Amino acid sequence: MMNLDFEDTLAKASTRPASQILDALDLHYRLHW
């Protein structure tokens, strides 16, 4: 974050595939339980 150029990063940014994010959510929900 310290070395990040906010505007430049925003112009190029994208997110990981939804399936990867939902896999992470599913895992951490069950671990939290």
PDB file of all heavy atoms in Angstrom:
ATOM      1  N   MET A   1       0.820  -1.210   0.000  1.00  0.00           N
ATOM      2  CA  MET A   1       0.000   0.000   0.000  1.00  0.00           C
ATOM      3  C   MET A   1       0.852   1.257   0.000  1.00  0.00           C
ATOM      4  O   MET A   1       0.503   2.255  -0.657  1.00  0.00           O
ATOM      5  CB  MET A   1      -0.932   0.005   1.213  1.00  0.00           C
ATOM      6  CG  MET A   1      -1.973  -1.104   1.212  1.00  0.00           C
ATOM      7  SD  MET A   1      -3.006  -1.158  -0.283  1.00  0.00           S
ATOM      8  CE  MET A   1      -3.856   0.427  -0.168  1.00  0.00           C
ATOM      9  N   MET A   2       1.975   1.249   0.704  1.00  0.00           N
ATOM     10  CA  MET A   2       2.845   2.417   0.767  1.00  0.00           C
ATOM     11  C   MET A   2       3.339   2.817  -0.622  1.00  0.00           C
ATOM     12  O   MET A   2       3.427   3.998  -0.961  1.00  0.00           O
ATOM     13  CB  MET A   2       4.029   2.128   1.693  1.00  0.00           C
ATOM     14  CG  MET A   2       5.087   3.234   1.736  1.00  0.00           C
ATOM     15  SD  MET A   2       4.470   4.771   2.465  1.00  0.00           S
ATOM     16  CE  MET A   2       4.438   4.294   4.191  1.00  0.00           C
ATOM     17  N   ASN A   3       3.664   1.817  -1.442  1.00  0.00           N
ATOM     18  CA  ASN A   3       4.251   2.078  -2.766  1.00  0.00           C
ATOM     19  C   ASN A   3       3.204   2.178  -3.866  1.00  0.00           C
ATOM     20  O   ASN A   3       3.558   2.307  -5.040  1.00  0.00           O
ATOM     21  CB  ASN A   3       5.246   0.966  -3.106  1.00  0.00           C
ATOM     22  CG  ASN A   3       6.394   0.903  -2.126  1.00  0.00           C
ATOM     23  OD1 ASN A   3       6.816   1.925  -1.597  1.00  0.00           O
ATOM     24  ND2 ASN A   3       6.904  -0.301  -1.865  1.00  0.00           N
ATOM     25  N   LEU A   4       1.955   2.111  -3.489  1.00  0.00           N
ATOM     26  CA  LEU A   4       0.882   2.069  -4.489  1.00  0.00           C
ATOM     27  C   LEU A   4       0.503   3.468  -4.963  1.00  0.00           C
ATOM     28  O   LEU A   4       0.329   4.385  -4.158  1.00  0.00           O
ATOM     29  CB  LEU A   4      -0.322   1.360  -3.869  1.00  0.00           C
ATOM     30  CG  LEU A   4      -1.584   1.155  -4.690  1.00  0.00           C
ATOM     31  CD1 LEU A   4      -2.202  -0.199  -4.340  1.00  0.00           C
ATOM     32  CD2 LEU A   4      -2.603   2.260  -4.391  1.00  0.00           C
ATOM     33  N   ASP A   5       0.424   3.637  -6.274  1.00  0.00           N
ATOM     34  CA  ASP A   5      -0.130   4.857  -6.858  1.00  0.00           C
ATOM     35  C   ASP A   5      -1.635   4.633  -7.004  1.00  0.00           C
ATOM     36  O   ASP A   5      -2.081   3.838  -7.837  1.00  0.00           O
ATOM     37  CB  ASP A   5       0.509   5.134  -8.216  1.00  0.00           C
ATOM     38  CG  ASP A   5       0.003   6.422  -8.853  1.00  0.00           C
ATOM     39  OD1 ASP A   5      -1.236   6.576  -9.014  1.00  0.00           O
ATOM     40  OD2 ASP A   5       0.830   7.281  -9.196  1.00  0.00           O
ATOM     41  N   PHE A   6      -2.429   5.318  -6.190  1.00  0.00           N
ATOM     42  CA  PHE A   6      -3.860   5.027  -6.101  1.00  0.00           C
ATOM     43  C   PHE A   6      -4.558   5.175  -7.451  1.00  0.00           C
ATOM     44  O   PHE A   6      -5.277   4.270  -7.892  1.00  0.00           O
ATOM     45  CB  PHE A   6      -4.519   5.931  -5.053  1.00  0.00           C
ATOM     46  CG  PHE A   6      -5.952   5.576  -4.763  1.00  0.00           C
ATOM     47  CD1 PHE A   6      -6.265   4.661  -3.773  1.00  0.00           C
ATOM     48  CD2 PHE A   6      -6.994   6.146  -5.485  1.00  0.00           C
ATOM     49  CE1 PHE A   6      -7.585   4.316  -3.504  1.00  0.00           C
ATOM     50  CE2 PHE A   6      -8.321   5.817  -5.228  1.00  0.00           C
ATOM     51  CZ  PHE A   6      -8.603   4.902  -4.236  1.00  0.00           C
ATOM     52  N   GLU A   7      -4.362   6.304  -8.098  1.00  0.00           N
ATOM     53  CA  GLU A   7      -5.088   6.558  -9.351  1.00  0.00           C
ATOM     54  C   GLU A   7      -4.652   5.601 -10.453  1.00  0.00           C
ATOM     55  O   GLU A   7      -5.481   5.099 -11.220  1.00  0.00           O
ATOM     56  CB  GLU A   7      -4.890   8.008  -9.786  1.00  0.00           C
ATOM     57  CG  GLU A   7      -5.388   9.040  -8.785  1.00  0.00           C
ATOM     58  CD  GLU A   7      -6.864   8.884  -8.453  1.00  0.00           C
ATOM     59  OE1 GLU A   7      -7.617   8.377  -9.322  1.00  0.00           O
ATOM     60  OE2 GLU A   7      -7.269   9.241  -7.332  1.00  0.00           O
ATOM     61  N   ASP A   8      -3.353   5.338 -10.537  1.00  0.00           N
ATOM     62  CA  ASP A   8      -2.863   4.425 -11.562  1.00  0.00           C
ATOM     63  C   ASP A   8      -3.370   3.006 -11.306  1.00  0.00           C
ATOM     64  O   ASP A   8      -3.790   2.307 -12.233  1.00  0.00           O
ATOM     65  CB  ASP A   8      -1.332   4.446 -11.576  1.00  0.00           C
ATOM     66  CG  ASP A   8      -0.756   3.532 -12.651  1.00  0.00           C
ATOM     67  OD1 ASP A   8      -1.007   3.793 -13.837  1.00  0.00           O
ATOM     68  OD2 ASP A   8      -0.080   2.547 -12.298  1.00  0.00           O
ATOM     69  N   THR A   9      -3.340   2.593 -10.040  1.00  0.00           N
ATOM     70  CA  THR A   9      -3.829   1.256  -9.692  1.00  0.00           C
ATOM     71  C   THR A   9      -5.315   1.130  -9.977  1.00  0.00           C
ATOM     72  O   THR A   9      -5.780   0.111 -10.498  1.00  0.00           O
ATOM     73  CB  THR A   9      -3.558   0.957  -8.210  1.00  0.00           C
ATOM     74  OG1 THR A   9      -2.163   1.067  -7.956  1.00  0.00           O
ATOM     75  CG2 THR A   9      -4.032  -0.452  -7.843  1.00  0.00           C
ATOM     76  N   LEU A  10      -6.074   2.176  -9.657  1.00  0.00           N
ATOM     77  CA  LEU A  10      -7.515   2.150  -9.901  1.00  0.00           C
ATOM     78  C   LEU A  10      -7.819   2.004 -11.385  1.00  0.00           C
ATOM     79  O   LEU A  10      -8.742   1.279 -11.782  1.00  0.00           O
ATOM     80  CB  LEU A  10      -8.158   3.429  -9.345  1.00  0.00           C
ATOM     81  CG  LEU A  10      -9.664   3.555  -9.526  1.00  0.00           C
ATOM     82  CD1 LEU A  10     -10.389   2.383  -8.871  1.00  0.00           C
ATOM     83  CD2 LEU A  10     -10.163   4.876  -8.945  1.00  0.00           C
ATOM     84  N   ALA A  11      -7.050   2.676 -12.224  1.00  0.00           N
ATOM     85  CA  ALA A  11      -7.288   2.612 -13.668  1.00  0.00           C
ATOM     86  C   ALA A  11      -7.060   1.210 -14.219  1.00  0.00           C
ATOM     87  O   ALA A  11      -7.680   0.822 -15.216  1.00  0.00           O
ATOM     88  CB  ALA A  11      -6.379   3.618 -14.372  1.00  0.00           C
ATOM     89  N   LYS A  12      -6.185   0.445 -13.572  1.00  0.00           N
ATOM     90  CA  LYS A  12      -5.844  -0.881 -14.079  1.00  0.00           C
ATOM     91  C   LYS A  12      -6.483  -2.011 -13.283  1.00  0.00           C
ATOM     92  O   LYS A  12      -6.398  -3.180 -13.678  1.00  0.00           O
ATOM     93  CB  LYS A  12      -4.322  -1.063 -14.041  1.00  0.00           C
ATOM     94  CG  LYS A  12      -3.544  -0.036 -14.842  1.00  0.00           C
ATOM     95  CD  LYS A  12      -2.048  -0.209 -14.617  1.00  0.00           C
ATOM     96  CE  LYS A  12      -1.234   0.832 -15.377  1.00  0.00           C
ATOM     97  NZ  LYS A  12       0.213   0.714 -15.098  1.00  0.00           N
ATOM     98  N   ALA A  13      -7.110  -1.697 -12.159  1.00  0.00           N
ATOM     99  CA  ALA A  13      -7.512  -2.727 -11.197  1.00  0.00           C
ATOM    100  C   ALA A  13      -8.636  -3.606 -11.709  1.00  0.00           C
ATOM    101  O   ALA A  13      -9.525  -3.163 -12.453  1.00  0.00           O
ATOM    102  CB  ALA A  13      -7.925  -2.076  -9.883  1.00  0.00           C
ATOM    103  N   SER A  14      -8.589  -4.854 -11.269  1.00  0.00           N
ATOM    104  CA  SER A  14      -9.681  -5.803 -11.489  1.00  0.00           C
ATOM    105  C   SER A  14      -9.672  -6.754 -10.303  1.00  0.00           C
ATOM    106  O   SER A  14      -8.737  -6.762  -9.496  1.00  0.00           O
ATOM    107  CB  SER A  14      -9.504  -6.566 -12.796  1.00  0.00           C
ATOM    108  OG  SER A  14      -8.294  -7.309 -12.779  1.00  0.00           O
ATOM    109  N   THR A  15     -10.707  -7.553 -10.205  1.00  0.00           N
ATOM    110  CA  THR A  15     -10.785  -8.503  -9.093  1.00  0.00           C
ATOM    111  C   THR A  15     -10.534  -9.921  -9.586  1.00  0.00           C
ATOM    112  O   THR A  15     -10.655 -10.220 -10.771  1.00  0.00           O
ATOM    113  CB  THR A  15     -12.164  -8.450  -8.410  1.00  0.00           C
ATOM    114  OG1 THR A  15     -13.176  -8.801  -9.366  1.00  0.00           O
ATOM    115  CG2 THR A  15     -12.444  -7.061  -7.859  1.00  0.00           C
ATOM    116  N   ARG A  16     -10.196 -10.760  -8.645  1.00  0.00           N
ATOM    117  CA  ARG A  16     -10.063 -12.175  -8.955  1.00  0.00           C
ATOM    118  C   ARG A  16     -11.410 -12.750  -9.395  1.00  0.00           C
ATOM    119  O   ARG A  16     -12.450 -12.157  -9.123  1.00  0.00           O
ATOM    120  CB  ARG A  16      -9.569 -12.939  -7.718  1.00  0.00           C
ATOM    121  CG  ARG A  16      -8.140 -12.640  -7.344  1.00  0.00           C
ATOM    122  CD  ARG A  16      -7.674 -13.443  -6.164  1.00  0.00           C
ATOM    123  NE  ARG A  16      -6.278 -13.133  -5.901  1.00  0.00           N
ATOM    124  CZ  ARG A  16      -5.251 -13.725  -6.523  1.00  0.00           C
ATOM    125  NH1 ARG A  16      -5.498 -14.678  -7.407  1.00  0.00           N
ATOM    126  NH2 ARG A  16      -4.012 -13.377  -6.250  1.00  0.00           N
ATOM    127  N   PRO A  17     -11.406 -13.920 -10.028  1.00  0.00           N
ATOM    128  CA  PRO A  17     -12.677 -14.550 -10.403  1.00  0.00           C
ATOM    129  C   PRO A  17     -13.572 -14.753  -9.181  1.00  0.00           C
ATOM    130  O   PRO A  17     -13.093 -15.043  -8.080  1.00  0.00           O
ATOM    131  CB  PRO A  17     -12.239 -15.890 -10.999  1.00  0.00           C
ATOM    132  CG  PRO A  17     -10.842 -15.661 -11.478  1.00  0.00           C
ATOM    133  CD  PRO A  17     -10.235 -14.688 -10.511  1.00  0.00           C
ATOM    134  N   ALA A  18     -14.859 -14.607  -9.389  1.00  0.00           N
ATOM    135  CA  ALA A  18     -15.821 -14.746  -8.294  1.00  0.00           C
ATOM    136  C   ALA A  18     -15.683 -16.086  -7.595  1.00  0.00           C
ATOM    137  O   ALA A  18     -15.821 -16.173  -6.374  1.00  0.00           O
ATOM    138  CB  ALA A  18     -17.240 -14.579  -8.835  1.00  0.00           C
ATOM    139  N   SER A  19     -15.383 -17.136  -8.345  1.00  0.00           N
ATOM    140  CA  SER A  19     -15.292 -18.470  -7.745  1.00  0.00           C
ATOM    141  C   SER A  19     -14.197 -18.523  -6.687  1.00  0.00           C
ATOM    142  O   SER A  19     -14.362 -19.179  -5.645  1.00  0.00           O
ATOM    143  CB  SER A  19     -15.041 -19.525  -8.825  1.00  0.00           C
ATOM    144  OG  SER A  19     -13.826 -19.256  -9.516  1.00  0.00           O
ATOM    145  N   GLN A  20     -13.074 -17.851  -6.916  1.00  0.00           N
ATOM    146  CA  GLN A  20     -11.985 -17.850  -5.935  1.00  0.00           C
ATOM    147  C   GLN A  20     -12.383 -17.097  -4.668  1.00  0.00           C
ATOM    148  O   GLN A  20     -12.067 -17.530  -3.547  1.00  0.00           O
ATOM    149  CB  GLN A  20     -10.732 -17.228  -6.541  1.00  0.00           C
ATOM    150  CG  GLN A  20     -10.119 -18.024  -7.668  1.00  0.00           C
ATOM    151  CD  GLN A  20      -8.842 -17.398  -8.198  1.00  0.00           C
ATOM    152  OE1 GLN A  20      -8.193 -16.607  -7.515  1.00  0.00           O
ATOM    153  NE2 GLN A  20      -8.481 -17.738  -9.429  1.00  0.00           N
ATOM    154  N   ILE A  21     -13.062 -15.972  -4.828  1.00  0.00           N
ATOM    155  CA  ILE A  21     -13.503 -15.190  -3.676  1.00  0.00           C
ATOM    156  C   ILE A  21     -14.514 -15.978  -2.856  1.00  0.00           C
ATOM    157  O   ILE A  21     -14.454 -16.014  -1.619  1.00  0.00           O
ATOM    158  CB  ILE A  21     -14.091 -13.849  -4.148  1.00  0.00           C
ATOM    159  CG1 ILE A  21     -13.012 -13.022  -4.863  1.00  0.00           C
ATOM    160  CG2 ILE A  21     -14.691 -13.070  -2.977  1.00  0.00           C
ATOM    161  CD1 ILE A  21     -13.547 -11.800  -5.578  1.00  0.00           C
ATOM    162  N   LEU A  22     -15.442 -16.640  -3.540  1.00  0.00           N
ATOM    163  CA  LEU A  22     -16.463 -17.415  -2.833  1.00  0.00           C
ATOM    164  C   LEU A  22     -15.874 -18.663  -2.182  1.00  0.00           C
ATOM    165  O   LEU A  22     -16.344 -19.086  -1.123  1.00  0.00           O
ATOM    166  CB  LEU A  22     -17.585 -17.773  -3.797  1.00  0.00           C
ATOM    167  CG  LEU A  22     -18.385 -16.580  -4.312  1.00  0.00           C
ATOM    168  CD1 LEU A  22     -19.420 -17.016  -5.347  1.00  0.00           C
ATOM    169  CD2 LEU A  22     -19.058 -15.827  -3.176  1.00  0.00           C
ATOM    170  N   ASP A  23     -14.854 -19.248  -2.790  1.00  0.00           N
ATOM    171  CA  ASP A  23     -14.157 -20.367  -2.145  1.00  0.00           C
ATOM    172  C   ASP A  23     -13.552 -19.911  -0.819  1.00  0.00           C
ATOM    173  O   ASP A  23     -13.631 -20.612   0.198  1.00  0.00           O
ATOM    174  CB  ASP A  23     -13.040 -20.902  -3.049  1.00  0.00           C
ATOM    175  CG  ASP A  23     -13.559 -21.755  -4.205  1.00  0.00           C
ATOM    176  OD1 ASP A  23     -14.763 -22.082  -4.208  1.00  0.00           O
ATOM    177  OD2 ASP A  23     -12.760 -22.069  -5.101  1.00  0.00           O
ATOM    178  N   ALA A  24     -12.923 -18.727  -0.837  1.00  0.00           N
ATOM    179  CA  ALA A  24     -12.308 -18.192   0.381  1.00  0.00           C
ATOM    180  C   ALA A  24     -13.359 -17.910   1.448  1.00  0.00           C
ATOM    181  O   ALA A  24     -13.164 -18.201   2.632  1.00  0.00           O
ATOM    182  CB  ALA A  24     -11.524 -16.922   0.056  1.00  0.00           C
ATOM    183  N   LEU A  25     -14.480 -17.351   1.041  1.00  0.00           N
ATOM    184  CA  LEU A  25     -15.555 -17.075   1.989  1.00  0.00           C
ATOM    185  C   LEU A  25     -16.074 -18.365   2.610  1.00  0.00           C
ATOM    186  O   LEU A  25     -16.261 -18.452   3.833  1.00  0.00           O
ATOM    187  CB  LEU A  25     -16.701 -16.335   1.288  1.00  0.00           C
ATOM    188  CG  LEU A  25     -17.976 -16.136   2.112  1.00  0.00           C
ATOM    189  CD1 LEU A  25     -17.697 -15.298   3.352  1.00  0.00           C
ATOM    190  CD2 LEU A  25     -19.067 -15.491   1.250  1.00  0.00           C
ATOM    191  N   ASP A  26     -16.307 -19.366   1.788  1.00  0.00           N
ATOM    192  CA  ASP A  26     -16.839 -20.638   2.283  1.00  0.00           C
ATOM    193  C   ASP A  26     -15.884 -21.257   3.305  1.00  0.00           C
ATOM    194  O   ASP A  26     -16.314 -21.752   4.361  1.00  0.00           O
ATOM    195  CB  ASP A  26     -17.050 -21.595   1.105  1.00  0.00           C
ATOM    196  CG  ASP A  26     -18.017 -22.718   1.438  1.00  0.00           C
ATOM    197  OD1 ASP A  26     -19.226 -22.461   1.447  1.00  0.00           O
ATOM    198  OD2 ASP A  26     -17.552 -23.845   1.691  1.00  0.00           O
ATOM    199  N   LEU A  27     -14.594 -21.228   3.007  1.00  0.00           N
ATOM    200  CA  LEU A  27     -13.598 -21.789   3.913  1.00  0.00           C
ATOM    201  C   LEU A  27     -13.576 -21.049   5.245  1.00  0.00           C
ATOM    202  O   LEU A  27     -13.621 -21.669   6.319  1.00  0.00           O
ATOM    203  CB  LEU A  27     -12.217 -21.722   3.260  1.00  0.00           C
ATOM    204  CG  LEU A  27     -11.036 -22.096   4.160  1.00  0.00           C
ATOM    205  CD1 LEU A  27     -11.123 -23.550   4.597  1.00  0.00           C
ATOM    206  CD2 LEU A  27      -9.719 -21.813   3.451  1.00  0.00           C
ATOM    207  N   HIS A  28     -13.540 -19.720   5.204  1.00  0.00           N
ATOM    208  CA  HIS A  28     -13.379 -18.956   6.441  1.00  0.00           C
ATOM    209  C   HIS A  28     -14.661 -18.934   7.275  1.00  0.00           C
ATOM    210  O   HIS A  28     -14.592 -18.838   8.498  1.00  0.00           O
ATOM    211  CB  HIS A  28     -12.887 -17.543   6.120  1.00  0.00           C
ATOM    212  CG  HIS A  28     -11.462 -17.536   5.652  1.00  0.00           C
ATOM    213  ND1 HIS A  28     -11.113 -17.705   4.338  1.00  0.00           N
ATOM    214  CD2 HIS A  28     -10.297 -17.438   6.349  1.00  0.00           C
ATOM    215  CE1 HIS A  28      -9.795 -17.690   4.225  1.00  0.00           C
ATOM    216  NE2 HIS A  28      -9.281 -17.530   5.429  1.00  0.00           N
ATOM    217  N   TYR A  29     -15.811 -19.059   6.628  1.00  0.00           N
ATOM    218  CA  TYR A  29     -17.056 -19.217   7.381  1.00  0.00           C
ATOM    219  C   TYR A  29     -16.999 -20.484   8.230  1.00  0.00           C
ATOM    220  O   TYR A  29     -17.332 -20.480   9.422  1.00  0.00           O
ATOM    221  CB  TYR A  29     -18.241 -19.260   6.417  1.00  0.00           C
ATOM    222  CG  TYR A  29     -19.503 -19.854   7.022  1.00  0.00           C
ATOM    223  CD1 TYR A  29     -20.307 -19.093   7.862  1.00  0.00           C
ATOM    224  CD2 TYR A  29     -19.871 -21.171   6.750  1.00  0.00           C
ATOM    225  CE1 TYR A  29     -21.457 -19.640   8.424  1.00  0.00           C
ATOM    226  CE2 TYR A  29     -21.013 -21.723   7.306  1.00  0.00           C
ATOM    227  CZ  TYR A  29     -21.811 -20.946   8.140  1.00  0.00           C
ATOM    228  OH  TYR A  29     -22.938 -21.487   8.708  1.00  0.00           O
ATOM    229  N   ARG A  30     -16.570 -21.587   7.638  1.00  0.00           N
ATOM    230  CA  ARG A  30     -16.548 -22.869   8.356  1.00  0.00           C
ATOM    231  C   ARG A  30     -15.458 -22.881   9.430  1.00  0.00           C
ATOM    232  O   ARG A  30     -15.661 -23.412  10.527  1.00  0.00           O
ATOM    233  CB  ARG A  30     -16.389 -24.022   7.359  1.00  0.00           C
ATOM    234  CG  ARG A  30     -17.575 -24.051   6.402  1.00  0.00           C
ATOM    235  CD  ARG A  30     -17.574 -25.124   5.355  1.00  0.00           C
ATOM    236  NE  ARG A  30     -18.454 -24.681   4.279  1.00  0.00           N
ATOM    237  CZ  ARG A  30     -19.793 -24.621   4.377  1.00  0.00           C
ATOM    238  NH1 ARG A  30     -20.399 -25.023   5.483  1.00  0.00           N
ATOM    239  NH2 ARG A  30     -20.526 -24.168   3.376  1.00  0.00           N
ATOM    240  N   LEU A  31     -14.317 -22.259   9.138  1.00  0.00           N
ATOM    241  CA  LEU A  31     -13.277 -22.141  10.153  1.00  0.00           C
ATOM    242  C   LEU A  31     -13.739 -21.266  11.318  1.00  0.00           C
ATOM    243  O   LEU A  31     -13.434 -21.553  12.482  1.00  0.00           O
ATOM    244  CB  LEU A  31     -11.999 -21.570   9.539  1.00  0.00           C
ATOM    245  CG  LEU A  31     -11.250 -22.472   8.554  1.00  0.00           C
ATOM    246  CD1 LEU A  31     -10.086 -21.713   7.939  1.00  0.00           C
ATOM    247  CD2 LEU A  31     -10.760 -23.744   9.230  1.00  0.00           C
ATOM    248  N   HIS A  32     -14.483 -20.216  11.001  1.00  0.00           N
ATOM    249  CA  HIS A  32     -14.979 -19.323  12.060  1.00  0.00           C
ATOM    250  C   HIS A  32     -15.966 -20.070  12.959  1.00  0.00           C
ATOM    251  O   HIS A  32     -15.990 -19.865  14.181  1.00  0.00           O
ATOM    252  CB  HIS A  32     -15.632 -18.091  11.443  1.00  0.00           C
ATOM    253  CG  HIS A  32     -15.672 -16.918  12.352  1.00  0.00           C
ATOM    254  ND1 HIS A  32     -16.179 -15.685  11.973  1.00  0.00           N
ATOM    255  CD2 HIS A  32     -15.278 -16.757  13.651  1.00  0.00           C
ATOM    256  CE1 HIS A  32     -16.085 -14.846  12.991  1.00  0.00           C
ATOM    257  NE2 HIS A  32     -15.553 -15.468  14.009  1.00  0.00           N
ATOM    258  N   TRP A  33     -16.786 -20.923  12.359  1.00  0.00           N
ATOM    259  CA  TRP A  33     -17.688 -21.741  13.169  1.00  0.00           C
ATOM    260  C   TRP A  33     -16.887 -22.600  14.149  1.00  0.00           C
ATOM    261  O   TRP A  33     -17.239 -22.708  15.331  1.00  0.00           O
ATOM    262  CB  TRP A  33     -18.544 -22.630  12.259  1.00  0.00           C
ATOM    263  CG  TRP A  33     -19.576 -23.427  13.005  1.00  0.00           C
ATOM    264  CD1 TRP A  33     -20.872 -23.075  13.261  1.00  0.00           C
ATOM    265  CD2 TRP A  33     -19.392 -24.720  13.634  1.00  0.00           C
ATOM    266  NE1 TRP A  33     -21.499 -24.050  13.992  1.00  0.00           N
ATOM    267  CE2 TRP A  33     -20.621 -25.080  14.242  1.00  0.00           C
ATOM    268  CE3 TRP A  33     -18.316 -25.592  13.727  1.00  0.00           C
ATOM    269  CZ2 TRP A  33     -20.792 -26.268  14.922  1.00  0.00           C
ATOM    270  CZ3 TRP A  33     -18.479 -26.784  14.419  1.00  0.00           C
ATOM    271  CH2 TRP A  33     -19.702 -27.119  15.004  1.00  0.00           C
TER     272      TRP A  33
END
